[in-house]
């Protein structure tokens, strides 16, 4: 199976890092080859019924500095700003996936925040935040790369559209939006 191979005869020079990497995988990332991994103990239905994930944008704030009569110079900022992680979840017959998200949002508002470091045996309340992992799969359904979103918290539970008229819709879905601290590429 083709992979990134540092011993390959085809070399790509990356000027920023000064390293040379062998590139011999010309397969494209498949849009349907992914798996969303959420805390299975507390949110088993979110993982199983995830239909779509939108990886967020990243931006660096820029300061505009006036410069003579030429115009403004853009000075790059010193921090990354992340957009929101969005997922489309399929609603199962018993609405378990929707109920999990609703309970998570409701618990965040009604109860004080629970730290993930709280290891009390008597406290069975799920944590307020959790890490979410997006695994990219190869054409053989092997994990090729993961993106781990750290300290995710839901910010929006979108609408479910139900219609008595049959159309192109195969299943009822709802969008969920998460904020997170940062993400790691593995």
C-alpha atoms as a PDB file:
ATOM      1  CA  UNK A   1       0.000   0.000   0.000  1.00  0.00           C
ATOM      2  CA  UNK A   2       1.435   3.413  -0.932  1.00  0.00           C
ATOM      3  CA  UNK A   3       2.375   5.649   1.984  1.00  0.00           C
ATOM      4  CA  UNK A   4       4.605   8.562   2.790  1.00  0.00           C
ATOM      5  CA  UNK A   5       8.028   6.991   2.513  1.00  0.00           C
ATOM      6  CA  UNK A   6      11.165   8.924   3.496  1.00  0.00           C
ATOM      7  CA  UNK A   7      13.331   6.448   1.550  1.00  0.00           C
ATOM      8  CA  UNK A   8      11.414   6.904  -1.703  1.00  0.00           C
ATOM      9  CA  UNK A   9      13.244   8.111  -4.795  1.00  0.00           C
ATOM     10  CA  UNK A  10      10.522  10.737  -5.392  1.00  0.00           C
ATOM     11  CA  UNK A  11      11.328  13.602  -3.033  1.00  0.00           C
ATOM     12  CA  UNK A  12       9.334  16.679  -2.211  1.00  0.00           C
ATOM     13  CA  UNK A  13      11.305  19.461  -0.551  1.00  0.00           C
ATOM     14  CA  UNK A  14       9.374  21.398   2.050  1.00  0.00           C
ATOM     15  CA  UNK A  15      11.054  24.767   2.331  1.00  0.00           C
ATOM     16  CA  UNK A  16       9.490  25.705   5.659  1.00  0.00           C
ATOM     17  CA  UNK A  17      10.735  22.724   7.622  1.00  0.00           C
ATOM     18  CA  UNK A  18      13.880  22.019   5.641  1.00  0.00           C
ATOM     19  CA  UNK A  19      13.033  18.314   5.515  1.00  0.00           C
ATOM     20  CA  UNK A  20      12.646  16.028   2.548  1.00  0.00           C
ATOM     21  CA  UNK A  21       9.687  13.690   2.373  1.00  0.00           C
ATOM     22  CA  UNK A  22       9.059  10.859  -0.053  1.00  0.00           C
ATOM     23  CA  UNK A  23       5.611  11.115  -1.571  1.00  0.00           C
ATOM     24  CA  UNK A  24       4.326   7.985  -3.218  1.00  0.00           C
ATOM     25  CA  UNK A  25       0.622   7.936  -2.248  1.00  0.00           C
ATOM     26  CA  UNK A  26      -1.488   9.432  -4.979  1.00  0.00           C
ATOM     27  CA  UNK A  27      -4.841   8.195  -3.619  1.00  0.00           C
ATOM     28  CA  UNK A  28      -7.307  10.954  -2.793  1.00  0.00           C
ATOM     29  CA  UNK A  29      -9.051  11.285   0.562  1.00  0.00           C
ATOM     30  CA  UNK A  30     -12.491   9.744   0.154  1.00  0.00           C
ATOM     31  CA  UNK A  31     -15.432  11.953   1.247  1.00  0.00           C
ATOM     32  CA  UNK A  32     -17.313   8.986   2.715  1.00  0.00           C
ATOM     33  CA  UNK A  33     -14.340   7.316   4.401  1.00  0.00           C
ATOM     34  CA  UNK A  34     -14.391   8.724   7.919  1.00  0.00           C
ATOM     35  CA  UNK A  35     -15.396   7.766  11.416  1.00  0.00           C
ATOM     36  CA  UNK A  36     -16.344  10.122  14.222  1.00  0.00           C
ATOM     37  CA  UNK A  37     -15.241   8.851  17.629  1.00  0.00           C
ATOM     38  CA  UNK A  38     -16.865  10.421  20.671  1.00  0.00           C
ATOM     39  CA  UNK A  39     -16.816   9.214  24.279  1.00  0.00           C
ATOM     40  CA  UNK A  40     -18.534   5.875  23.607  1.00  0.00           C
ATOM     41  CA  UNK A  41     -19.503   5.340  27.241  1.00  0.00           C
ATOM     42  CA  UNK A  42     -21.558   8.533  27.387  1.00  0.00           C
ATOM     43  CA  UNK A  43     -22.379   9.260  23.724  1.00  0.00           C
ATOM     44  CA  UNK A  44     -22.559   5.942  21.871  1.00  0.00           C
ATOM     45  CA  UNK A  45     -25.275   7.039  19.438  1.00  0.00           C
ATOM     46  CA  UNK A  46     -23.416  10.134  18.204  1.00  0.00           C
ATOM     47  CA  UNK A  47     -20.570   7.985  16.910  1.00  0.00           C
ATOM     48  CA  UNK A  48     -22.779   5.390  15.274  1.00  0.00           C
ATOM     49  CA  UNK A  49     -25.226   7.763  13.568  1.00  0.00           C
ATOM     50  CA  UNK A  50     -22.854  10.482  12.335  1.00  0.00           C
ATOM     51  CA  UNK A  51     -23.485  11.212   8.650  1.00  0.00           C
ATOM     52  CA  UNK A  52     -21.404  14.304   7.901  1.00  0.00           C
ATOM     53  CA  UNK A  53     -18.572  16.224   9.571  1.00  0.00           C
ATOM     54  CA  UNK A  54     -17.292  19.666   8.565  1.00  0.00           C
ATOM     55  CA  UNK A  55     -13.724  20.301   9.686  1.00  0.00           C
ATOM     56  CA  UNK A  56     -13.511  23.930  10.902  1.00  0.00           C
ATOM     57  CA  UNK A  57     -11.575  26.768   9.382  1.00  0.00           C
ATOM     58  CA  UNK A  58      -8.429  28.207  10.955  1.00  0.00           C
ATOM     59  CA  UNK A  59      -7.475  31.846  10.738  1.00  0.00           C
ATOM     60  CA  UNK A  60      -4.767  34.160  11.974  1.00  0.00           C
ATOM     61  CA  UNK A  61      -5.914  37.684  12.800  1.00  0.00           C
ATOM     62  CA  UNK A  62      -4.086  40.294  10.734  1.00  0.00           C
ATOM     63  CA  UNK A  63      -3.334  43.878  11.739  1.00  0.00           C
ATOM     64  CA  UNK A  64      -3.374  46.496   9.029  1.00  0.00           C
ATOM     65  CA  UNK A  65      -0.596  49.053   9.394  1.00  0.00           C
ATOM     66  CA  UNK A  66      -0.774  52.201   7.248  1.00  0.00           C
ATOM     67  CA  UNK A  67       2.315  52.690   5.135  1.00  0.00           C
ATOM     68  CA  UNK A  68       3.052  55.962   3.379  1.00  0.00           C
ATOM     69  CA  UNK A  69       1.035  56.481   0.215  1.00  0.00           C
ATOM     70  CA  UNK A  70       1.335  52.898  -0.919  1.00  0.00           C
ATOM     71  CA  UNK A  71      -1.396  51.395   1.241  1.00  0.00           C
ATOM     72  CA  UNK A  72      -1.585  49.153   4.249  1.00  0.00           C
ATOM     73  CA  UNK A  73       0.804  46.418   5.263  1.00  0.00           C
ATOM     74  CA  UNK A  74      -0.654  43.224   6.706  1.00  0.00           C
ATOM     75  CA  UNK A  75       1.129  42.113   9.867  1.00  0.00           C
ATOM     76  CA  UNK A  76       0.232  38.528  10.851  1.00  0.00           C
ATOM     77  CA  UNK A  77      -1.173  37.950  14.315  1.00  0.00           C
ATOM     78  CA  UNK A  78       0.234  35.779  17.058  1.00  0.00           C
ATOM     79  CA  UNK A  79      -2.574  33.259  17.652  1.00  0.00           C
ATOM     80  CA  UNK A  80      -4.736  30.825  15.740  1.00  0.00           C
ATOM     81  CA  UNK A  81      -8.501  31.204  15.757  1.00  0.00           C
ATOM     82  CA  UNK A  82     -10.544  28.057  15.139  1.00  0.00           C
ATOM     83  CA  UNK A  83     -14.028  27.906  13.672  1.00  0.00           C
ATOM     84  CA  UNK A  84     -16.681  25.497  14.884  1.00  0.00           C
ATOM     85  CA  UNK A  85     -16.824  21.747  14.351  1.00  0.00           C
ATOM     86  CA  UNK A  86     -20.114  20.792  12.734  1.00  0.00           C
ATOM     87  CA  UNK A  87     -21.619  17.330  12.429  1.00  0.00           C
ATOM     88  CA  UNK A  88     -24.835  16.042  10.888  1.00  0.00           C
ATOM     89  CA  UNK A  89     -26.349  13.234  12.947  1.00  0.00           C
ATOM     90  CA  UNK A  90     -28.984  10.783  11.696  1.00  0.00           C
ATOM     91  CA  UNK A  91     -31.974  10.426  14.001  1.00  0.00           C
ATOM     92  CA  UNK A  92     -32.697   6.820  14.911  1.00  0.00           C
ATOM     93  CA  UNK A  93     -36.210   5.466  15.419  1.00  0.00           C
ATOM     94  CA  UNK A  94     -36.093   5.932  19.201  1.00  0.00           C
ATOM     95  CA  UNK A  95     -34.429   9.364  18.887  1.00  0.00           C
ATOM     96  CA  UNK A  96     -31.478   8.206  21.033  1.00  0.00           C
ATOM     97  CA  UNK A  97     -28.950  10.326  19.108  1.00  0.00           C
ATOM     98  CA  UNK A  98     -31.073  13.465  19.522  1.00  0.00           C
ATOM     99  CA  UNK A  99     -31.746  12.679  23.186  1.00  0.00           C
ATOM    100  CA  UNK A 100     -28.011  12.321  23.918  1.00  0.00           C
ATOM    101  CA  UNK A 101     -27.275  15.755  22.459  1.00  0.00           C
ATOM    102  CA  UNK A 102     -30.254  17.374  24.169  1.00  0.00           C
ATOM    103  CA  UNK A 103     -29.284  15.882  27.536  1.00  0.00           C
ATOM    104  CA  UNK A 104     -25.682  17.060  27.073  1.00  0.00           C
ATOM    105  CA  UNK A 105     -26.785  20.640  26.405  1.00  0.00           C
ATOM    106  CA  UNK A 106     -29.366  20.553  29.197  1.00  0.00           C
ATOM    107  CA  UNK A 107     -26.829  19.145  31.677  1.00  0.00           C
ATOM    108  CA  UNK A 108     -24.345  21.931  30.841  1.00  0.00           C
ATOM    109  CA  UNK A 109     -26.900  24.622  31.625  1.00  0.00           C
ATOM    110  CA  UNK A 110     -28.585  23.041  34.645  1.00  0.00           C
ATOM    111  CA  UNK A 111     -25.669  21.524  36.551  1.00  0.00           C
ATOM    112  CA  UNK A 112     -22.282  22.916  37.530  1.00  0.00           C
ATOM    113  CA  UNK A 113     -19.381  21.955  35.309  1.00  0.00           C
ATOM    114  CA  UNK A 114     -17.797  18.614  36.072  1.00  0.00           C
ATOM    115  CA  UNK A 115     -14.079  18.323  35.594  1.00  0.00           C
ATOM    116  CA  UNK A 116     -12.738  15.306  33.708  1.00  0.00           C
ATOM    117  CA  UNK A 117     -10.252  14.971  36.568  1.00  0.00           C
ATOM    118  CA  UNK A 118     -13.040  14.182  39.028  1.00  0.00           C
ATOM    119  CA  UNK A 119     -12.648  10.429  39.540  1.00  0.00           C
ATOM    120  CA  UNK A 120     -15.272  10.045  42.225  1.00  0.00           C
ATOM    121  CA  UNK A 121     -16.822   6.586  42.035  1.00  0.00           C
ATOM    122  CA  UNK A 122     -20.229   7.796  43.195  1.00  0.00           C
ATOM    123  CA  UNK A 123     -20.504  10.527  40.548  1.00  0.00           C
ATOM    124  CA  UNK A 124     -21.747   8.989  37.277  1.00  0.00           C
ATOM    125  CA  UNK A 125     -22.531  12.276  35.544  1.00  0.00           C
ATOM    126  CA  UNK A 126     -20.748  12.570  32.175  1.00  0.00           C
ATOM    127  CA  UNK A 127     -18.211  15.391  31.881  1.00  0.00           C
ATOM    128  CA  UNK A 128     -19.177  18.736  30.364  1.00  0.00           C
ATOM    129  CA  UNK A 129     -16.439  18.547  27.744  1.00  0.00           C
ATOM    130  CA  UNK A 130     -15.095  15.598  25.841  1.00  0.00           C
ATOM    131  CA  UNK A 131     -12.531  14.964  23.131  1.00  0.00           C
ATOM    132  CA  UNK A 132     -13.803  14.069  19.678  1.00  0.00           C
ATOM    133  CA  UNK A 133     -11.662  12.209  17.155  1.00  0.00           C
ATOM    134  CA  UNK A 134     -12.232  12.226  13.417  1.00  0.00           C
ATOM    135  CA  UNK A 135     -10.543   9.218  11.798  1.00  0.00           C
ATOM    136  CA  UNK A 136      -9.882   9.209   8.051  1.00  0.00           C
ATOM    137  CA  UNK A 137     -10.079   5.781   6.462  1.00  0.00           C
ATOM    138  CA  UNK A 138      -8.209   4.330   3.503  1.00  0.00           C
ATOM    139  CA  UNK A 139      -9.798   2.459   0.621  1.00  0.00           C
ATOM    140  CA  UNK A 140      -9.362  -0.673   2.785  1.00  0.00           C
ATOM    141  CA  UNK A 141     -11.098   0.978   5.786  1.00  0.00           C
ATOM    142  CA  UNK A 142      -7.870   1.323   7.747  1.00  0.00           C
ATOM    143  CA  UNK A 143      -7.280   4.510   9.739  1.00  0.00           C
ATOM    144  CA  UNK A 144      -4.749   6.631   7.838  1.00  0.00           C
ATOM    145  CA  UNK A 145      -4.939   9.879   9.811  1.00  0.00           C
ATOM    146  CA  UNK A 146      -6.806  11.269  12.807  1.00  0.00           C
ATOM    147  CA  UNK A 147      -7.801  14.736  13.928  1.00  0.00           C
ATOM    148  CA  UNK A 148      -8.420  15.008  17.658  1.00  0.00           C
ATOM    149  CA  UNK A 149     -10.521  17.964  18.818  1.00  0.00           C
ATOM    150  CA  UNK A 150      -9.691  18.770  22.440  1.00  0.00           C
ATOM    151  CA  UNK A 151     -12.282  19.840  25.054  1.00  0.00           C
ATOM    152  CA  UNK A 152     -15.337  19.872  22.793  1.00  0.00           C
ATOM    153  CA  UNK A 153     -18.516  21.396  24.090  1.00  0.00           C
ATOM    154  CA  UNK A 154     -21.769  21.560  22.080  1.00  0.00           C
ATOM    155  CA  UNK A 155     -23.013  25.065  21.332  1.00  0.00           C
ATOM    156  CA  UNK A 156     -25.944  24.398  19.046  1.00  0.00           C
ATOM    157  CA  UNK A 157     -28.449  21.636  18.425  1.00  0.00           C
ATOM    158  CA  UNK A 158     -30.044  22.302  15.056  1.00  0.00           C
ATOM    159  CA  UNK A 159     -33.517  21.717  13.781  1.00  0.00           C
ATOM    160  CA  UNK A 160     -34.951  18.411  12.568  1.00  0.00           C
ATOM    161  CA  UNK A 161     -37.051  18.691   9.432  1.00  0.00           C
ATOM    162  CA  UNK A 162     -39.895  16.191   9.281  1.00  0.00           C
ATOM    163  CA  UNK A 163     -42.148  16.072   6.256  1.00  0.00           C
ATOM    164  CA  UNK A 164     -45.126  13.925   5.286  1.00  0.00           C
ATOM    165  CA  UNK A 165     -44.159  14.333   1.628  1.00  0.00           C
ATOM    166  CA  UNK A 166     -41.627  11.786   0.380  1.00  0.00           C
ATOM    167  CA  UNK A 167     -38.706  13.415  -1.373  1.00  0.00           C
ATOM    168  CA  UNK A 168     -34.991  12.907  -1.728  1.00  0.00           C
ATOM    169  CA  UNK A 169     -34.581  12.584   2.043  1.00  0.00           C
ATOM    170  CA  UNK A 170     -33.787   9.063   3.165  1.00  0.00           C
ATOM    171  CA  UNK A 171     -33.421   9.800   6.883  1.00  0.00           C
ATOM    172  CA  UNK A 172     -34.135  12.623   9.294  1.00  0.00           C
ATOM    173  CA  UNK A 173     -31.000  14.407  10.484  1.00  0.00           C
ATOM    174  CA  UNK A 174     -30.038  17.287  12.744  1.00  0.00           C
ATOM    175  CA  UNK A 175     -26.907  19.448  12.850  1.00  0.00           C
ATOM    176  CA  UNK A 176     -24.746  19.802  15.949  1.00  0.00           C
ATOM    177  CA  UNK A 177     -22.119  22.505  16.433  1.00  0.00           C
ATOM    178  CA  UNK A 178     -19.168  22.151  18.804  1.00  0.00           C
ATOM    179  CA  UNK A 179     -16.564  24.607  20.070  1.00  0.00           C
ATOM    180  CA  UNK A 180     -13.184  23.262  21.107  1.00  0.00           C
ATOM    181  CA  UNK A 181      -9.866  24.490  22.483  1.00  0.00           C
ATOM    182  CA  UNK A 182      -7.604  23.245  19.683  1.00  0.00           C
ATOM    183  CA  UNK A 183      -7.023  20.180  17.541  1.00  0.00           C
ATOM    184  CA  UNK A 184      -4.146  17.772  16.971  1.00  0.00           C
ATOM    185  CA  UNK A 185      -3.248  16.030  13.735  1.00  0.00           C
ATOM    186  CA  UNK A 186      -1.971  12.515  14.301  1.00  0.00           C
END
